[in-house]
């Protein structure tokens, strides 16, 4: 991949993408889960492969997305929160696309994001990933 994917949609050939954007610290991190098993990350400068899921791990990751409630989740707004960053998830799953954003990170945690991150982190570790998410 070249450049960074848009926040509003997961790139073609992927089923899930996340984007962390901190305008105050000028930091952006993307993570993309591809149908072929590749999990890639972008730190604002370069892409690298975090790990590669087996077909069974891809199926587990997709099931984790479905069970997490992400597909029906609502945005978390930053009302009254200061010095906040944004965390967004976008998906292409079961013929549906969509996205949801936590506009108040880290002041407010999105419970669905937290649970999904935990499951995806475990799958990535199982697949040999050498570093954690954000």
C-alpha atoms as a PDB file:
ATOM      1  CA  UNK A   1       0.000   0.000   0.000  1.00  0.00           C
ATOM      2  CA  UNK A   2       1.108   3.548  -0.565  1.00  0.00           C
ATOM      3  CA  UNK A   3      -0.028   6.525   1.435  1.00  0.00           C
ATOM      4  CA  UNK A   4      -2.666   6.277   4.121  1.00  0.00           C
ATOM      5  CA  UNK A   5      -6.244   5.061   3.715  1.00  0.00           C
ATOM      6  CA  UNK A   6      -9.123   7.461   4.215  1.00  0.00           C
ATOM      7  CA  UNK A   7     -10.650   7.425   7.682  1.00  0.00           C
ATOM      8  CA  UNK A   8     -14.188   6.832   6.435  1.00  0.00           C
ATOM      9  CA  UNK A   9     -13.660   3.476   4.756  1.00  0.00           C
ATOM     10  CA  UNK A  10     -11.594   0.338   4.914  1.00  0.00           C
ATOM     11  CA  UNK A  11      -9.370  -0.051   1.833  1.00  0.00           C
ATOM     12  CA  UNK A  12     -10.342  -2.430  -0.961  1.00  0.00           C
ATOM     13  CA  UNK A  13      -9.323  -5.992  -0.133  1.00  0.00           C
ATOM     14  CA  UNK A  14      -9.585  -5.417   3.617  1.00  0.00           C
ATOM     15  CA  UNK A  15     -12.297  -6.167   6.143  1.00  0.00           C
ATOM     16  CA  UNK A  16     -11.201  -3.788   8.918  1.00  0.00           C
ATOM     17  CA  UNK A  17      -9.056  -0.692   9.338  1.00  0.00           C
ATOM     18  CA  UNK A  18      -8.296   1.511  12.315  1.00  0.00           C
ATOM     19  CA  UNK A  19      -6.910   5.035  12.435  1.00  0.00           C
ATOM     20  CA  UNK A  20      -5.523   6.922  15.435  1.00  0.00           C
ATOM     21  CA  UNK A  21      -5.139  10.663  14.818  1.00  0.00           C
ATOM     22  CA  UNK A  22      -3.676  13.012  17.423  1.00  0.00           C
ATOM     23  CA  UNK A  23      -3.558  16.526  15.947  1.00  0.00           C
ATOM     24  CA  UNK A  24      -1.827  17.984  19.005  1.00  0.00           C
ATOM     25  CA  UNK A  25       1.116  15.602  18.800  1.00  0.00           C
ATOM     26  CA  UNK A  26       0.957  15.291  14.998  1.00  0.00           C
ATOM     27  CA  UNK A  27       0.714  11.532  15.212  1.00  0.00           C
ATOM     28  CA  UNK A  28      -1.196   9.181  12.916  1.00  0.00           C
ATOM     29  CA  UNK A  29      -1.239   5.402  13.053  1.00  0.00           C
ATOM     30  CA  UNK A  30      -3.250   3.130  10.745  1.00  0.00           C
ATOM     31  CA  UNK A  31      -3.776  -0.606  10.936  1.00  0.00           C
ATOM     32  CA  UNK A  32      -5.372  -2.585   8.114  1.00  0.00           C
ATOM     33  CA  UNK A  33      -6.637  -6.186   8.229  1.00  0.00           C
ATOM     34  CA  UNK A  34      -6.587  -7.674   4.726  1.00  0.00           C
ATOM     35  CA  UNK A  35      -8.687 -10.527   3.393  1.00  0.00           C
ATOM     36  CA  UNK A  36      -5.489 -12.404   2.462  1.00  0.00           C
ATOM     37  CA  UNK A  37      -4.380 -12.409   6.125  1.00  0.00           C
ATOM     38  CA  UNK A  38      -1.891  -9.542   6.096  1.00  0.00           C
ATOM     39  CA  UNK A  39      -2.103  -7.125   8.996  1.00  0.00           C
ATOM     40  CA  UNK A  40      -0.332  -3.917   8.030  1.00  0.00           C
ATOM     41  CA  UNK A  41       0.454  -0.747   9.961  1.00  0.00           C
ATOM     42  CA  UNK A  42       1.354   2.770   8.860  1.00  0.00           C
ATOM     43  CA  UNK A  43       3.016   5.248  11.216  1.00  0.00           C
ATOM     44  CA  UNK A  44       2.663   8.343   9.055  1.00  0.00           C
ATOM     45  CA  UNK A  45       5.859   7.575   7.158  1.00  0.00           C
ATOM     46  CA  UNK A  46       5.944   3.929   6.125  1.00  0.00           C
ATOM     47  CA  UNK A  47       3.882   0.753   5.895  1.00  0.00           C
ATOM     48  CA  UNK A  48       5.047  -2.551   7.345  1.00  0.00           C
ATOM     49  CA  UNK A  49       3.550  -5.995   7.870  1.00  0.00           C
ATOM     50  CA  UNK A  50       2.748  -6.555  11.530  1.00  0.00           C
ATOM     51  CA  UNK A  51       1.903 -10.227  11.012  1.00  0.00           C
ATOM     52  CA  UNK A  52       0.017 -12.528   8.668  1.00  0.00           C
ATOM     53  CA  UNK A  53      -3.109 -14.313   9.874  1.00  0.00           C
ATOM     54  CA  UNK A  54      -3.922 -17.850   8.820  1.00  0.00           C
ATOM     55  CA  UNK A  55      -7.334 -18.315   7.157  1.00  0.00           C
ATOM     56  CA  UNK A  56      -8.623 -19.516  10.546  1.00  0.00           C
ATOM     57  CA  UNK A  57      -7.324 -16.361  12.245  1.00  0.00           C
ATOM     58  CA  UNK A  58      -8.948 -14.182   9.559  1.00  0.00           C
ATOM     59  CA  UNK A  59     -12.240 -15.963  10.278  1.00  0.00           C
ATOM     60  CA  UNK A  60     -11.698 -15.435  14.035  1.00  0.00           C
ATOM     61  CA  UNK A  61     -10.920 -11.743  13.524  1.00  0.00           C
ATOM     62  CA  UNK A  62     -14.049 -11.261  11.422  1.00  0.00           C
ATOM     63  CA  UNK A  63     -16.132 -13.070  14.025  1.00  0.00           C
ATOM     64  CA  UNK A  64     -14.607 -10.847  16.728  1.00  0.00           C
ATOM     65  CA  UNK A  65     -15.701  -7.787  14.745  1.00  0.00           C
ATOM     66  CA  UNK A  66     -19.242  -9.153  14.364  1.00  0.00           C
ATOM     67  CA  UNK A  67     -19.553 -10.137  18.038  1.00  0.00           C
ATOM     68  CA  UNK A  68     -18.013  -6.910  19.339  1.00  0.00           C
ATOM     69  CA  UNK A  69     -21.014  -4.811  18.367  1.00  0.00           C
ATOM     70  CA  UNK A  70     -18.843  -2.553  16.213  1.00  0.00           C
ATOM     71  CA  UNK A  71     -21.192  -2.759  13.227  1.00  0.00           C
ATOM     72  CA  UNK A  72     -23.981  -1.146  15.280  1.00  0.00           C
ATOM     73  CA  UNK A  73     -21.814   1.104  17.482  1.00  0.00           C
ATOM     74  CA  UNK A  74     -22.247   4.857  17.785  1.00  0.00           C
ATOM     75  CA  UNK A  75     -19.639   7.576  17.777  1.00  0.00           C
ATOM     76  CA  UNK A  76     -18.330   8.909  21.085  1.00  0.00           C
ATOM     77  CA  UNK A  77     -18.209  12.704  21.032  1.00  0.00           C
ATOM     78  CA  UNK A  78     -15.672  15.013  22.647  1.00  0.00           C
ATOM     79  CA  UNK A  79     -18.168  17.335  24.360  1.00  0.00           C
ATOM     80  CA  UNK A  80     -16.311  18.874  27.296  1.00  0.00           C
ATOM     81  CA  UNK A  81     -13.128  16.862  26.744  1.00  0.00           C
ATOM     82  CA  UNK A  82      -9.857  18.632  25.983  1.00  0.00           C
ATOM     83  CA  UNK A  83      -6.580  17.668  24.302  1.00  0.00           C
ATOM     84  CA  UNK A  84      -8.244  14.707  22.641  1.00  0.00           C
ATOM     85  CA  UNK A  85      -7.280  12.445  19.796  1.00  0.00           C
ATOM     86  CA  UNK A  86      -9.527  10.487  17.437  1.00  0.00           C
ATOM     87  CA  UNK A  87      -9.741   6.715  17.004  1.00  0.00           C
ATOM     88  CA  UNK A  88     -11.812   5.376  14.112  1.00  0.00           C
ATOM     89  CA  UNK A  89     -12.672   1.916  12.857  1.00  0.00           C
ATOM     90  CA  UNK A  90     -13.973   1.235   9.353  1.00  0.00           C
ATOM     91  CA  UNK A  91     -15.145  -2.114   7.992  1.00  0.00           C
ATOM     92  CA  UNK A  92     -16.106  -4.029   4.853  1.00  0.00           C
ATOM     93  CA  UNK A  93     -17.796  -7.105   6.218  1.00  0.00           C
ATOM     94  CA  UNK A  94     -20.753  -9.231   5.158  1.00  0.00           C
ATOM     95  CA  UNK A  95     -21.471  -6.908   2.204  1.00  0.00           C
ATOM     96  CA  UNK A  96     -21.675  -3.932   4.579  1.00  0.00           C
ATOM     97  CA  UNK A  97     -19.382  -0.970   4.999  1.00  0.00           C
ATOM     98  CA  UNK A  98     -19.293   1.600   7.726  1.00  0.00           C
ATOM     99  CA  UNK A  99     -17.248   3.402  10.310  1.00  0.00           C
ATOM    100  CA  UNK A 100     -17.427   4.615  13.888  1.00  0.00           C
ATOM    101  CA  UNK A 101     -15.238   7.153  15.693  1.00  0.00           C
ATOM    102  CA  UNK A 102     -14.254   7.964  19.255  1.00  0.00           C
ATOM    103  CA  UNK A 103     -13.661  11.722  19.053  1.00  0.00           C
ATOM    104  CA  UNK A 104     -12.671  11.927  22.740  1.00  0.00           C
ATOM    105  CA  UNK A 105      -9.776   9.471  23.078  1.00  0.00           C
ATOM    106  CA  UNK A 106      -8.174   8.995  25.631  1.00  0.00           C
ATOM    107  CA  UNK A 107     -10.485  11.058  27.865  1.00  0.00           C
ATOM    108  CA  UNK A 108     -13.328   8.674  27.021  1.00  0.00           C
ATOM    109  CA  UNK A 109     -12.859   5.049  26.094  1.00  0.00           C
ATOM    110  CA  UNK A 110     -15.193   3.310  23.648  1.00  0.00           C
ATOM    111  CA  UNK A 111     -16.054  -0.023  25.326  1.00  0.00           C
ATOM    112  CA  UNK A 112     -16.516  -1.786  21.996  1.00  0.00           C
ATOM    113  CA  UNK A 113     -13.102  -0.604  20.783  1.00  0.00           C
ATOM    114  CA  UNK A 114     -11.444  -1.752  23.999  1.00  0.00           C
ATOM    115  CA  UNK A 115     -12.897  -5.275  23.797  1.00  0.00           C
ATOM    116  CA  UNK A 116     -12.201  -5.615  20.062  1.00  0.00           C
ATOM    117  CA  UNK A 117      -8.616  -4.353  20.473  1.00  0.00           C
ATOM    118  CA  UNK A 118      -8.004  -6.958  23.160  1.00  0.00           C
ATOM    119  CA  UNK A 119      -9.181  -9.800  20.904  1.00  0.00           C
ATOM    120  CA  UNK A 120      -7.282  -8.538  17.855  1.00  0.00           C
ATOM    121  CA  UNK A 121      -4.122  -8.059  19.944  1.00  0.00           C
ATOM    122  CA  UNK A 122      -4.382 -11.699  21.060  1.00  0.00           C
ATOM    123  CA  UNK A 123      -4.774 -12.899  17.460  1.00  0.00           C
ATOM    124  CA  UNK A 124      -1.836 -10.766  16.336  1.00  0.00           C
ATOM    125  CA  UNK A 125       0.356 -12.130  19.141  1.00  0.00           C
ATOM    126  CA  UNK A 126      -0.679 -15.657  18.153  1.00  0.00           C
ATOM    127  CA  UNK A 127       0.354 -14.820  14.558  1.00  0.00           C
ATOM    128  CA  UNK A 128       3.768 -13.585  15.694  1.00  0.00           C
ATOM    129  CA  UNK A 129       3.310  -9.810  15.917  1.00  0.00           C
ATOM    130  CA  UNK A 130       6.179  -8.140  17.713  1.00  0.00           C
ATOM    131  CA  UNK A 131       4.495  -4.958  18.965  1.00  0.00           C
ATOM    132  CA  UNK A 132       1.194  -3.785  20.333  1.00  0.00           C
ATOM    133  CA  UNK A 133      -1.332  -1.372  18.944  1.00  0.00           C
ATOM    134  CA  UNK A 134      -1.218   2.269  20.112  1.00  0.00           C
END
